[in-house]
Amino acid sequence: MDYAESGERLCLVRTARHMSQEALGACIQADQSKISDIEAGRIAAYHMDMVQFAHTIYFSLDVFTAPGPFNLGACLLPLPPDWAAQRASWIEKGKQHRLDAQARRNKANKTKK
């Protein structure tokens, strides 16, 4: 399976879970552009990325490995009752991670001057 096909499958799963690229990125502490690049087939998802995607939005890793026709329904796993709360928590952690990273970059830039 090539990057484009695995990216397309990730996009199908993400949209089936009603998540934006930004929300998925926040859940795994990545920015929206990384999710966009993976879904567009411009870059490959690392194995750890795939595991985090599967854990975050509850789908089987077969999404990335199963040959032949894609069956979205067969790959989606049941959502736990507290999934909405988990998702909100991950998104907040992702936002805080990005803010912390930005603060570190700003501090590093100030010390260079």
PDB file of N, CA and C in Angstrom:
ATOM      1  N   MET A   1       0.846  -1.169   0.000  1.00  0.00           N
ATOM      2  CA  MET A   1       0.000   0.000   0.000  1.00  0.00           C
ATOM      3  C   MET A   1       0.899   1.242   0.000  1.00  0.00           C
ATOM      4  N   ASP A   2       0.568   2.225  -0.828  1.00  0.00           N
ATOM      5  CA  ASP A   2       1.391   3.424  -0.913  1.00  0.00           C
ATOM      6  C   ASP A   2       0.897   4.506   0.057  1.00  0.00           C
ATOM      7  N   TYR A   3       1.679   5.592   0.143  1.00  0.00           N
ATOM      8  CA  TYR A   3       1.346   6.679   1.064  1.00  0.00           C
ATOM      9  C   TYR A   3      -0.034   7.260   0.773  1.00  0.00           C
ATOM     10  N   ALA A   4      -0.341   7.436  -0.513  1.00  0.00           N
ATOM     11  CA  ALA A   4      -1.612   8.056  -0.883  1.00  0.00           C
ATOM     12  C   ALA A   4      -2.793   7.211  -0.430  1.00  0.00           C
ATOM     13  N   GLU A   5      -2.703   5.900  -0.622  1.00  0.00           N
ATOM     14  CA  GLU A   5      -3.815   5.033  -0.228  1.00  0.00           C
ATOM     15  C   GLU A   5      -3.980   4.988   1.286  1.00  0.00           C
ATOM     16  N   SER A   6      -2.886   4.883   2.029  1.00  0.00           N
ATOM     17  CA  SER A   6      -3.017   4.854   3.488  1.00  0.00           C
ATOM     18  C   SER A   6      -3.514   6.209   4.004  1.00  0.00           C
ATOM     19  N   GLY A   7      -3.081   7.300   3.379  1.00  0.00           N
ATOM     20  CA  GLY A   7      -3.568   8.622   3.766  1.00  0.00           C
ATOM     21  C   GLY A   7      -5.051   8.792   3.499  1.00  0.00           C
ATOM     22  N   GLU A   8      -5.488   8.279   2.358  1.00  0.00           N
ATOM     23  CA  GLU A   8      -6.909   8.349   2.021  1.00  0.00           C
ATOM     24  C   GLU A   8      -7.749   7.560   3.026  1.00  0.00           C
ATOM     25  N   ARG A   9      -7.234   6.417   3.434  1.00  0.00           N
ATOM     26  CA  ARG A   9      -7.954   5.604   4.420  1.00  0.00           C
ATOM     27  C   ARG A   9      -8.020   6.310   5.768  1.00  0.00           C
ATOM     28  N   LEU A  10      -6.915   6.947   6.174  1.00  0.00           N
ATOM     29  CA  LEU A  10      -6.933   7.694   7.424  1.00  0.00           C
ATOM     30  C   LEU A  10      -7.975   8.802   7.357  1.00  0.00           C
ATOM     31  N   CYS A  11      -8.045   9.493   6.239  1.00  0.00           N
ATOM     32  CA  CYS A  11      -9.025  10.563   6.055  1.00  0.00           C
ATOM     33  C   CYS A  11     -10.452  10.027   6.190  1.00  0.00           C
ATOM     34  N   LEU A  12     -10.721   8.878   5.594  1.00  0.00           N
ATOM     35  CA  LEU A  12     -12.052   8.284   5.692  1.00  0.00           C
ATOM     36  C   LEU A  12     -12.418   7.948   7.138  1.00  0.00           C
ATOM     37  N   VAL A  13     -11.469   7.377   7.869  1.00  0.00           N
ATOM     38  CA  VAL A  13     -11.719   7.032   9.272  1.00  0.00           C
ATOM     39  C   VAL A  13     -11.918   8.301  10.102  1.00  0.00           C
ATOM     40  N   ARG A  14     -11.051   9.278   9.898  1.00  0.00           N
ATOM     41  CA  ARG A  14     -11.142  10.525  10.669  1.00  0.00           C
ATOM     42  C   ARG A  14     -12.483  11.206  10.442  1.00  0.00           C
ATOM     43  N   THR A  15     -12.912  11.290   9.191  1.00  0.00           N
ATOM     44  CA  THR A  15     -14.184  11.958   8.912  1.00  0.00           C
ATOM     45  C   THR A  15     -15.371  11.127   9.414  1.00  0.00           C
ATOM     46  N   ALA A  16     -15.234   9.802   9.408  1.00  0.00           N
ATOM     47  CA  ALA A  16     -16.297   8.957   9.964  1.00  0.00           C
ATOM     48  C   ALA A  16     -16.464   9.203  11.459  1.00  0.00           C
ATOM     49  N   ARG A  17     -15.376   9.588  12.118  1.00  0.00           N
ATOM     50  CA  ARG A  17     -15.413   9.904  13.560  1.00  0.00           C
ATOM     51  C   ARG A  17     -15.719  11.387  13.808  1.00  0.00           C
ATOM     52  N   HIS A  18     -16.001  12.125  12.752  1.00  0.00           N
ATOM     53  CA  HIS A  18     -16.366  13.548  12.839  1.00  0.00           C
ATOM     54  C   HIS A  18     -15.285  14.372  13.529  1.00  0.00           C
ATOM     55  N   MET A  19     -14.045  14.121  13.126  1.00  0.00           N
ATOM     56  CA  MET A  19     -12.925  14.879  13.677  1.00  0.00           C
ATOM     57  C   MET A  19     -12.270  15.693  12.576  1.00  0.00           C
ATOM     58  N   SER A  20     -11.848  16.880  12.923  1.00  0.00           N
ATOM     59  CA  SER A  20     -11.095  17.704  11.987  1.00  0.00           C
ATOM     60  C   SER A  20      -9.628  17.262  12.016  1.00  0.00           C
ATOM     61  N   GLN A  21      -8.891  17.698  11.024  1.00  0.00           N
ATOM     62  CA  GLN A  21      -7.455  17.422  11.015  1.00  0.00           C
ATOM     63  C   GLN A  21      -6.782  18.079  12.219  1.00  0.00           C
ATOM     64  N   GLU A  22      -7.230  19.268  12.555  1.00  0.00           N
ATOM     65  CA  GLU A  22      -6.658  19.971  13.693  1.00  0.00           C
ATOM     66  C   GLU A  22      -6.912  19.214  14.995  1.00  0.00           C
ATOM     67  N   ALA A  23      -8.130  18.703  15.173  1.00  0.00           N
ATOM     68  CA  ALA A  23      -8.461  17.961  16.397  1.00  0.00           C
ATOM     69  C   ALA A  23      -7.647  16.674  16.488  1.00  0.00           C
ATOM     70  N   LEU A  24      -7.518  15.951  15.378  1.00  0.00           N
ATOM     71  CA  LEU A  24      -6.717  14.722  15.403  1.00  0.00           C
ATOM     72  C   LEU A  24      -5.256  15.044  15.700  1.00  0.00           C
ATOM     73  N   GLY A  25      -4.749  16.083  15.077  1.00  0.00           N
ATOM     74  CA  GLY A  25      -3.373  16.485  15.346  1.00  0.00           C
ATOM     75  C   GLY A  25      -3.163  16.844  16.804  1.00  0.00           C
ATOM     76  N   ALA A  26      -4.113  17.580  17.378  1.00  0.00           N
ATOM     77  CA  ALA A  26      -4.000  17.951  18.787  1.00  0.00           C
ATOM     78  C   ALA A  26      -3.988  16.721  19.682  1.00  0.00           C
ATOM     79  N   CYS A  27      -4.751  15.723  19.323  1.00  0.00           N
ATOM     80  CA  CYS A  27      -4.812  14.496  20.127  1.00  0.00           C
ATOM     81  C   CYS A  27      -3.484  13.759  20.159  1.00  0.00           C
ATOM     82  N   ILE A  28      -2.697  13.892  19.105  1.00  0.00           N
ATOM     83  CA  ILE A  28      -1.407  13.180  19.073  1.00  0.00           C
ATOM     84  C   ILE A  28      -0.231  14.150  19.154  1.00  0.00           C
ATOM     85  N   GLN A  29      -0.520  15.387  19.544  1.00  0.00           N
ATOM     86  CA  GLN A  29       0.496  16.425  19.701  1.00  0.00           C
ATOM     87  C   GLN A  29       1.256  16.690  18.405  1.00  0.00           C
ATOM     88  N   ALA A  30       0.503  16.840  17.338  1.00  0.00           N
ATOM     89  CA  ALA A  30       1.053  17.210  16.025  1.00  0.00           C
ATOM     90  C   ALA A  30       0.194  18.353  15.493  1.00  0.00           C
ATOM     91  N   ASP A  31       0.702  19.060  14.521  1.00  0.00           N
ATOM     92  CA  ASP A  31      -0.117  20.128  13.972  1.00  0.00           C
ATOM     93  C   ASP A  31      -0.953  19.629  12.796  1.00  0.00           C
ATOM     94  N   GLN A  32      -1.899  20.455  12.411  1.00  0.00           N
ATOM     95  CA  GLN A  32      -2.849  20.105  11.354  1.00  0.00           C
ATOM     96  C   GLN A  32      -2.134  19.817  10.050  1.00  0.00           C
ATOM     97  N   SER A  33      -1.036  20.518   9.787  1.00  0.00           N
ATOM     98  CA  SER A  33      -0.341  20.331   8.507  1.00  0.00           C
ATOM     99  C   SER A  33       0.237  18.921   8.384  1.00  0.00           C
ATOM    100  N   LYS A  34       0.658  18.326   9.487  1.00  0.00           N
ATOM    101  CA  LYS A  34       1.177  16.949   9.429  1.00  0.00           C
ATOM    102  C   LYS A  34       0.058  15.990   9.031  1.00  0.00           C
ATOM    103  N   ILE A  35      -1.121  16.163   9.623  1.00  0.00           N
ATOM    104  CA  ILE A  35      -2.255  15.296   9.289  1.00  0.00           C
ATOM    105  C   ILE A  35      -2.623  15.494   7.819  1.00  0.00           C
ATOM    106  N   SER A  36      -2.631  16.738   7.366  1.00  0.00           N
ATOM    107  CA  SER A  36      -2.933  17.034   5.968  1.00  0.00           C
ATOM    108  C   SER A  36      -1.930  16.365   5.032  1.00  0.00           C
ATOM    109  N   ASP A  37      -0.650  16.450   5.370  1.00  0.00           N
ATOM    110  CA  ASP A  37       0.387  15.853   4.528  1.00  0.00           C
ATOM    111  C   ASP A  37       0.270  14.329   4.478  1.00  0.00           C
ATOM    112  N   ILE A  38      -0.055  13.710   5.610  1.00  0.00           N
ATOM    113  CA  ILE A  38      -0.231  12.254   5.627  1.00  0.00           C
ATOM    114  C   ILE A  38      -1.441  11.872   4.780  1.00  0.00           C
ATOM    115  N   GLU A  39      -2.563  12.563   4.971  1.00  0.00           N
ATOM    116  CA  GLU A  39      -3.781  12.229   4.224  1.00  0.00           C
ATOM    117  C   GLU A  39      -3.627  12.469   2.734  1.00  0.00           C
ATOM    118  N   ALA A  40      -2.823  13.437   2.352  1.00  0.00           N
ATOM    119  CA  ALA A  40      -2.608  13.736   0.934  1.00  0.00           C
ATOM    120  C   ALA A  40      -1.555  12.823   0.307  1.00  0.00           C
ATOM    121  N   GLY A  41      -0.903  11.997   1.130  1.00  0.00           N
ATOM    122  CA  GLY A  41       0.118  11.095   0.611  1.00  0.00           C
ATOM    123  C   GLY A  41       1.458  11.755   0.362  1.00  0.00           C
ATOM    124  N   ARG A  42       1.645  12.976   0.886  1.00  0.00           N
ATOM    125  CA  ARG A  42       2.925  13.670   0.709  1.00  0.00           C
ATOM    126  C   ARG A  42       4.007  13.113   1.621  1.00  0.00           C
ATOM    127  N   ILE A  43       3.595  12.599   2.794  1.00  0.00           N
ATOM    128  CA  ILE A  43       4.543  11.971   3.718  1.00  0.00           C
ATOM    129  C   ILE A  43       3.925  10.680   4.251  1.00  0.00           C
ATOM    130  N   ALA A  44       4.774   9.820   4.740  1.00  0.00           N
ATOM    131  CA  ALA A  44       4.307   8.570   5.346  1.00  0.00           C
ATOM    132  C   ALA A  44       4.040   8.789   6.822  1.00  0.00           C
ATOM    133  N   ALA A  45       3.097   8.047   7.331  1.00  0.00           N
ATOM    134  CA  ALA A  45       2.870   8.038   8.774  1.00  0.00           C
ATOM    135  C   ALA A  45       3.832   7.024   9.381  1.00  0.00           C
ATOM    136  N   TYR A  46       4.561   7.447  10.390  1.00  0.00           N
ATOM    137  CA  TYR A  46       5.432   6.513  11.098  1.00  0.00           C
ATOM    138  C   TYR A  46       4.567   5.495  11.842  1.00  0.00           C
ATOM    139  N   HIS A  47       5.171   4.358  12.168  1.00  0.00           N
ATOM    140  CA  HIS A  47       4.416   3.316  12.874  1.00  0.00           C
ATOM    141  C   HIS A  47       3.788   3.872  14.150  1.00  0.00           C
ATOM    142  N   MET A  48       4.547   4.652  14.923  1.00  0.00           N
ATOM    143  CA  MET A  48       3.993   5.193  16.168  1.00  0.00           C
ATOM    144  C   MET A  48       2.830   6.136  15.883  1.00  0.00           C
ATOM    145  N   ASP A  49       2.888   6.896  14.793  1.00  0.00           N
ATOM    146  CA  ASP A  49       1.763   7.744  14.400  1.00  0.00           C
ATOM    147  C   ASP A  49       0.522   6.883  14.168  1.00  0.00           C
ATOM    148  N   MET A  50       0.699   5.798  13.429  1.00  0.00           N
ATOM    149  CA  MET A  50      -0.432   4.926  13.119  1.00  0.00           C
ATOM    150  C   MET A  50      -1.045   4.355  14.397  1.00  0.00           C
ATOM    151  N   VAL A  51      -0.208   3.945  15.329  1.00  0.00           N
ATOM    152  CA  VAL A  51      -0.711   3.407  16.596  1.00  0.00           C
ATOM    153  C   VAL A  51      -1.474   4.488  17.354  1.00  0.00           C
ATOM    154  N   GLN A  52      -0.925   5.705  17.385  1.00  0.00           N
ATOM    155  CA  GLN A  52      -1.616   6.803  18.075  1.00  0.00           C
ATOM    156  C   GLN A  52      -2.947   7.137  17.400  1.00  0.00           C
ATOM    157  N   PHE A  53      -2.972   7.143  16.067  1.00  0.00           N
ATOM    158  CA  PHE A  53      -4.231   7.393  15.361  1.00  0.00           C
ATOM    159  C   PHE A  53      -5.264   6.343  15.750  1.00  0.00           C
ATOM    160  N   ALA A  54      -4.853   5.079  15.700  1.00  0.00           N
ATOM    161  CA  ALA A  54      -5.774   3.978  16.005  1.00  0.00           C
ATOM    162  C   ALA A  54      -6.282   4.073  17.440  1.00  0.00           C
ATOM    163  N   HIS A  55      -5.407   4.410  18.364  1.00  0.00           N
ATOM    164  CA  HIS A  55      -5.796   4.526  19.769  1.00  0.00           C
ATOM    165  C   HIS A  55      -6.724   5.717  19.985  1.00  0.00           C
ATOM    166  N   THR A  56      -6.441   6.810  19.303  1.00  0.00           N
ATOM    167  CA  THR A  56      -7.201   8.040  19.496  1.00  0.00           C
ATOM    168  C   THR A  56      -8.609   7.960  18.932  1.00  0.00           C
ATOM    169  N   ILE A  57      -8.737   7.418  17.728  1.00  0.00           N
ATOM    170  CA  ILE A  57     -10.068   7.412  17.104  1.00  0.00           C
ATOM    171  C   ILE A  57     -10.639   6.010  16.919  1.00  0.00           C
ATOM    172  N   TYR A  58     -10.071   5.062  17.637  1.00  0.00           N
ATOM    173  CA  TYR A  58     -10.620   3.707  17.737  1.00  0.00           C
ATOM    174  C   TYR A  58     -10.892   3.051  16.385  1.00  0.00           C
ATOM    175  N   PHE A  59      -9.808   2.607  15.764  1.00  0.00           N
ATOM    176  CA  PHE A  59      -9.958   1.790  14.563  1.00  0.00           C
ATOM    177  C   PHE A  59      -8.845   0.755  14.541  1.00  0.00           C
ATOM    178  N   SER A  60      -9.050  -0.267  13.765  1.00  0.00           N
ATOM    179  CA  SER A  60      -8.076  -1.340  13.630  1.00  0.00           C
ATOM    180  C   SER A  60      -6.916  -0.883  12.755  1.00  0.00           C
ATOM    181  N   LEU A  61      -5.722  -1.302  13.108  1.00  0.00           N
ATOM    182  CA  LEU A  61      -4.554  -0.971  12.277  1.00  0.00           C
ATOM    183  C   LEU A  61      -4.628  -1.630  10.908  1.00  0.00           C
ATOM    184  N   ASP A  62      -5.585  -2.521  10.712  1.00  0.00           N
ATOM    185  CA  ASP A  62      -5.806  -3.105   9.387  1.00  0.00           C
ATOM    186  C   ASP A  62      -6.088  -2.023   8.348  1.00  0.00           C
ATOM    187  N   VAL A  63      -6.528  -0.864   8.797  1.00  0.00           N
ATOM    188  CA  VAL A  63      -6.749   0.255   7.881  1.00  0.00           C
ATOM    189  C   VAL A  63      -5.509   0.487   7.030  1.00  0.00           C
ATOM    190  N   PHE A  64      -4.343   0.371   7.647  1.00  0.00           N
ATOM    191  CA  PHE A  64      -3.096   0.661   6.947  1.00  0.00           C
ATOM    192  C   PHE A  64      -2.452  -0.557   6.301  1.00  0.00           C
ATOM    193  N   THR A  65      -2.930  -1.739   6.612  1.00  0.00           N
ATOM    194  CA  THR A  65      -2.228  -2.932   6.136  1.00  0.00           C
ATOM    195  C   THR A  65      -3.065  -3.870   5.281  1.00  0.00           C
ATOM    196  N   ALA A  66      -4.382  -3.783   5.388  1.00  0.00           N
ATOM    197  CA  ALA A  66      -5.241  -4.729   4.675  1.00  0.00           C
ATOM    198  C   ALA A  66      -5.203  -4.471   3.165  1.00  0.00           C
ATOM    199  N   PRO A  67      -4.854  -5.492   2.387  1.00  0.00           N
ATOM    200  CA  PRO A  67      -4.852  -5.316   0.933  1.00  0.00           C
ATOM    201  C   PRO A  67      -6.282  -5.394   0.390  1.00  0.00           C
ATOM    202  N   GLY A  68      -6.430  -4.948  -0.801  1.00  0.00           N
ATOM    203  CA  GLY A  68      -7.722  -5.085  -1.478  1.00  0.00           C
ATOM    204  C   GLY A  68      -8.698  -3.980  -1.117  1.00  0.00           C
ATOM    205  N   PRO A  69      -9.972  -4.216  -1.449  1.00  0.00           N
ATOM    206  CA  PRO A  69     -10.997  -3.193  -1.214  1.00  0.00           C
ATOM    207  C   PRO A  69     -11.076  -2.813   0.270  1.00  0.00           C
ATOM    208  N   PHE A  70     -11.299  -1.554   0.505  1.00  0.00           N
ATOM    209  CA  PHE A  70     -11.342  -1.029   1.874  1.00  0.00           C
ATOM    210  C   PHE A  70     -12.756  -1.102   2.415  1.00  0.00           C
ATOM    211  N   ASN A  71     -12.914  -1.660   3.618  1.00  0.00           N
ATOM    212  CA  ASN A  71     -14.207  -1.755   4.275  1.00  0.00           C
ATOM    213  C   ASN A  71     -14.152  -0.917   5.549  1.00  0.00           C
ATOM    214  N   LEU A  72     -14.635   0.301   5.461  1.00  0.00           N
ATOM    215  CA  LEU A  72     -14.574   1.222   6.590  1.00  0.00           C
ATOM    216  C   LEU A  72     -15.288   0.657   7.814  1.00  0.00           C
ATOM    217  N   GLY A  73     -16.461   0.108   7.627  1.00  0.00           N
ATOM    218  CA  GLY A  73     -17.229  -0.425   8.750  1.00  0.00           C
ATOM    219  C   GLY A  73     -16.509  -1.529   9.501  1.00  0.00           C
ATOM    220  N   ALA A  74     -15.740  -2.324   8.786  1.00  0.00           N
ATOM    221  CA  ALA A  74     -15.027  -3.428   9.424  1.00  0.00           C
ATOM    222  C   ALA A  74     -13.835  -2.933  10.236  1.00  0.00           C
ATOM    223  N   CYS A  75     -13.342  -1.741   9.930  1.00  0.00           N
ATOM    224  CA  CYS A  75     -12.150  -1.227  10.617  1.00  0.00           C
ATOM    225  C   CYS A  75     -12.466  -0.377  11.840  1.00  0.00           C
ATOM    226  N   LEU A  76     -13.667   0.195  11.899  1.00  0.00           N
ATOM    227  CA  LEU A  76     -14.020   1.037  13.037  1.00  0.00           C
ATOM    228  C   LEU A  76     -14.330   0.174  14.249  1.00  0.00           C
ATOM    229  N   LEU A  77     -13.777   0.532  15.373  1.00  0.00           N
ATOM    230  CA  LEU A  77     -14.028  -0.180  16.620  1.00  0.00           C
ATOM    231  C   LEU A  77     -15.088   0.582  17.415  1.00  0.00           C
ATOM    232  N   PRO A  78     -15.809  -0.101  18.292  1.00  0.00           N
ATOM    233  CA  PRO A  78     -16.819   0.607  19.095  1.00  0.00           C
ATOM    234  C   PRO A  78     -16.157   1.668  19.974  1.00  0.00           C
ATOM    235  N   LEU A  79     -16.819   2.803  20.086  1.00  0.00           N
ATOM    236  CA  LEU A  79     -16.298   3.877  20.928  1.00  0.00           C
ATOM    237  C   LEU A  79     -16.662   3.610  22.388  1.00  0.00           C
ATOM    238  N   PRO A  80     -15.746   3.882  23.309  1.00  0.00           N
ATOM    239  CA  PRO A  80     -16.079   3.725  24.722  1.00  0.00           C
ATOM    240  C   PRO A  80     -17.047   4.829  25.158  1.00  0.00           C
ATOM    241  N   PRO A  81     -17.787   4.611  26.221  1.00  0.00           N
ATOM    242  CA  PRO A  81     -18.769   5.615  26.666  1.00  0.00           C
ATOM    243  C   PRO A  81     -18.154   6.979  26.970  1.00  0.00           C
ATOM    244  N   ASP A  82     -16.918   7.013  27.423  1.00  0.00           N
ATOM    245  CA  ASP A  82     -16.295   8.284  27.791  1.00  0.00           C
ATOM    246  C   ASP A  82     -15.419   8.864  26.680  1.00  0.00           C
ATOM    247  N   TRP A  83     -15.635   8.442  25.440  1.00  0.00           N
ATOM    248  CA  TRP A  83     -14.773   8.874  24.350  1.00  0.00           C
ATOM    249  C   TRP A  83     -14.791  10.386  24.158  1.00  0.00           C
ATOM    250  N   ALA A  84     -15.944  10.997  24.261  1.00  0.00           N
ATOM    251  CA  ALA A  84     -16.019  12.447  24.059  1.00  0.00           C
ATOM    252  C   ALA A  84     -15.170  13.181  25.093  1.00  0.00           C
ATOM    253  N   ALA A  85     -15.204  12.731  26.334  1.00  0.00           N
ATOM    254  CA  ALA A  85     -14.397  13.359  27.385  1.00  0.00           C
ATOM    255  C   ALA A  85     -12.910  13.105  27.137  1.00  0.00           C
ATOM    256  N   GLN A  86     -12.564  11.884  26.716  1.00  0.00           N
ATOM    257  CA  GLN A  86     -11.160  11.569  26.402  1.00  0.00           C
ATOM    258  C   GLN A  86     -10.659  12.470  25.287  1.00  0.00           C
ATOM    259  N   ARG A  87     -11.467  12.587  24.248  1.00  0.00           N
ATOM    260  CA  ARG A  87     -11.083  13.398  23.093  1.00  0.00           C
ATOM    261  C   ARG A  87     -10.856  14.855  23.509  1.00  0.00           C
ATOM    262  N   ALA A  88     -11.761  15.391  24.320  1.00  0.00           N
ATOM    263  CA  ALA A  88     -11.621  16.774  24.776  1.00  0.00           C
ATOM    264  C   ALA A  88     -10.338  16.948  25.591  1.00  0.00           C
ATOM    265  N   SER A  89     -10.032  15.975  26.426  1.00  0.00           N
ATOM    266  CA  SER A  89      -8.812  16.025  27.243  1.00  0.00           C
ATOM    267  C   SER A  89      -7.573  15.999  26.360  1.00  0.00           C
ATOM    268  N   TRP A  90      -7.548  15.123  25.358  1.00  0.00           N
ATOM    269  CA  TRP A  90      -6.399  15.034  24.454  1.00  0.00           C
ATOM    270  C   TRP A  90      -6.214  16.328  23.678  1.00  0.00           C
ATOM    271  N   ILE A  91      -7.327  16.916  23.260  1.00  0.00           N
ATOM    272  CA  ILE A  91      -7.250  18.164  22.500  1.00  0.00           C
ATOM    273  C   ILE A  91      -6.657  19.268  23.368  1.00  0.00           C
ATOM    274  N   GLU A  92      -7.086  19.353  24.631  1.00  0.00           N
ATOM    275  CA  GLU A  92      -6.528  20.357  25.542  1.00  0.00           C
ATOM    276  C   GLU A  92      -5.037  20.121  25.774  1.00  0.00           C
ATOM    277  N   LYS A  93      -4.650  18.856  25.960  1.00  0.00           N
ATOM    278  CA  LYS A  93      -3.227  18.543  26.138  1.00  0.00           C
ATOM    279  C   LYS A  93      -2.434  18.916  24.897  1.00  0.00           C
ATOM    280  N   GLY A  94      -3.003  18.656  23.729  1.00  0.00           N
ATOM    281  CA  GLY A  94      -2.339  19.015  22.475  1.00  0.00           C
ATOM    282  C   GLY A  94      -2.168  20.514  22.339  1.00  0.00           C
ATOM    283  N   LYS A  95      -3.188  21.278  22.716  1.00  0.00           N
ATOM    284  CA  LYS A  95      -3.091  22.738  22.658  1.00  0.00           C
ATOM    285  C   LYS A  95      -2.011  23.235  23.600  1.00  0.00           C
ATOM    286  N   GLN A  96      -1.967  22.671  24.808  1.00  0.00           N
ATOM    287  CA  GLN A  96      -0.957  23.091  25.778  1.00  0.00           C
ATOM    288  C   GLN A  96       0.444  22.743  25.281  1.00  0.00           C
ATOM    289  N   HIS A  97       0.585  21.574  24.671  1.00  0.00           N
ATOM    290  CA  HIS A  97       1.878  21.164  24.112  1.00  0.00           C
ATOM    291  C   HIS A  97       2.342  22.168  23.060  1.00  0.00           C
ATOM    292  N   ARG A  98       1.430  22.584  22.170  1.00  0.00           N
ATOM    293  CA  ARG A  98       1.794  23.552  21.135  1.00  0.00           C
ATOM    294  C   ARG A  98       2.170  24.902  21.740  1.00  0.00           C
ATOM    295  N   LEU A  99       1.430  25.337  22.764  1.00  0.00           N
ATOM    296  CA  LEU A  99       1.753  26.606  23.423  1.00  0.00           C
ATOM    297  C   LEU A  99       3.132  26.535  24.092  1.00  0.00           C
ATOM    298  N   ASP A 100       3.412  25.412  24.759  1.00  0.00           N
ATOM    299  CA  ASP A 100       4.718  25.236  25.400  1.00  0.00           C
ATOM    300  C   ASP A 100       5.840  25.239  24.363  1.00  0.00           C
ATOM    301  N   ALA A 101       5.618  24.567  23.250  1.00  0.00           N
ATOM    302  CA  ALA A 101       6.632  24.511  22.191  1.00  0.00           C
ATOM    303  C   ALA A 101       6.871  25.900  21.615  1.00  0.00           C
ATOM    304  N   GLN A 102       5.803  26.658  21.428  1.00  0.00           N
ATOM    305  CA  GLN A 102       5.938  28.022  20.906  1.00  0.00           C
ATOM    306  C   GLN A 102       6.706  28.894  21.898  1.00  0.00           C
ATOM    307  N   ALA A 103       6.433  28.747  23.189  1.00  0.00           N
ATOM    308  CA  ALA A 103       7.138  29.524  24.209  1.00  0.00           C
ATOM    309  C   ALA A 103       8.626  29.183  24.207  1.00  0.00           C
ATOM    310  N   ARG A 104       8.960  27.897  24.046  1.00  0.00           N
ATOM    311  CA  ARG A 104      10.367  27.502  23.982  1.00  0.00           C
ATOM    312  C   ARG A 104      11.055  28.100  22.763  1.00  0.00           C
ATOM    313  N   ARG A 105      10.352  28.087  21.608  1.00  0.00           N
ATOM    314  CA  ARG A 105      10.932  28.682  20.395  1.00  0.00           C
ATOM    315  C   ARG A 105      11.152  30.184  20.574  1.00  0.00           C
ATOM    316  N   ASN A 106      10.167  30.848  21.161  1.00  0.00           N
ATOM    317  CA  ASN A 106      10.296  32.299  21.384  1.00  0.00           C
ATOM    318  C   ASN A 106      11.467  32.600  22.309  1.00  0.00           C
ATOM    319  N   LYS A 107      11.609  31.810  23.370  1.00  0.00           N
ATOM    320  CA  LYS A 107      12.708  32.010  24.312  1.00  0.00           C
ATOM    321  C   LYS A 107      14.049  31.771  23.618  1.00  0.00           C
ATOM    322  N   ALA A 108      14.114  30.724  22.804  1.00  0.00           N
ATOM    323  CA  ALA A 108      15.361  30.424  22.082  1.00  0.00           C
ATOM    324  C   ALA A 108      15.696  31.557  21.111  1.00  0.00           C
ATOM    325  N   ASN A 109      14.707  32.099  20.443  1.00  0.00           N
ATOM    326  CA  ASN A 109      14.942  33.198  19.496  1.00  0.00           C
ATOM    327  C   ASN A 109      15.430  34.446  20.213  1.00  0.00           C
ATOM    328  N   LYS A 110      14.911  34.705  21.413  1.00  0.00           N
ATOM    329  CA  LYS A 110      15.325  35.887  22.177  1.00  0.00           C
ATOM    330  C   LYS A 110      16.773  35.753  22.653  1.00  0.00           C
ATOM    331  N   THR A 111      17.165  34.533  23.014  1.00  0.00           N
ATOM    332  CA  THR A 111      18.545  34.346  23.504  1.00  0.00           C
ATOM    333  C   THR A 111      19.546  34.443  22.363  1.00  0.00           C
ATOM    334  N   LYS A 112      19.126  34.194  21.130  1.00  0.00           N
ATOM    335  CA  LYS A 112      20.021  34.297  19.972  1.00  0.00           C
ATOM    336  C   LYS A 112      20.318  35.755  19.634  1.00  0.00           C
ATOM    337  N   LYS A 113      19.417  36.653  19.987  1.00  0.00           N
ATOM    338  CA  LYS A 113      19.579  38.072  19.612  1.00  0.00           C
ATOM    339  C   LYS A 113      20.529  38.801  20.501  1.00  0.00           C
TER     340      LYS A 113
END
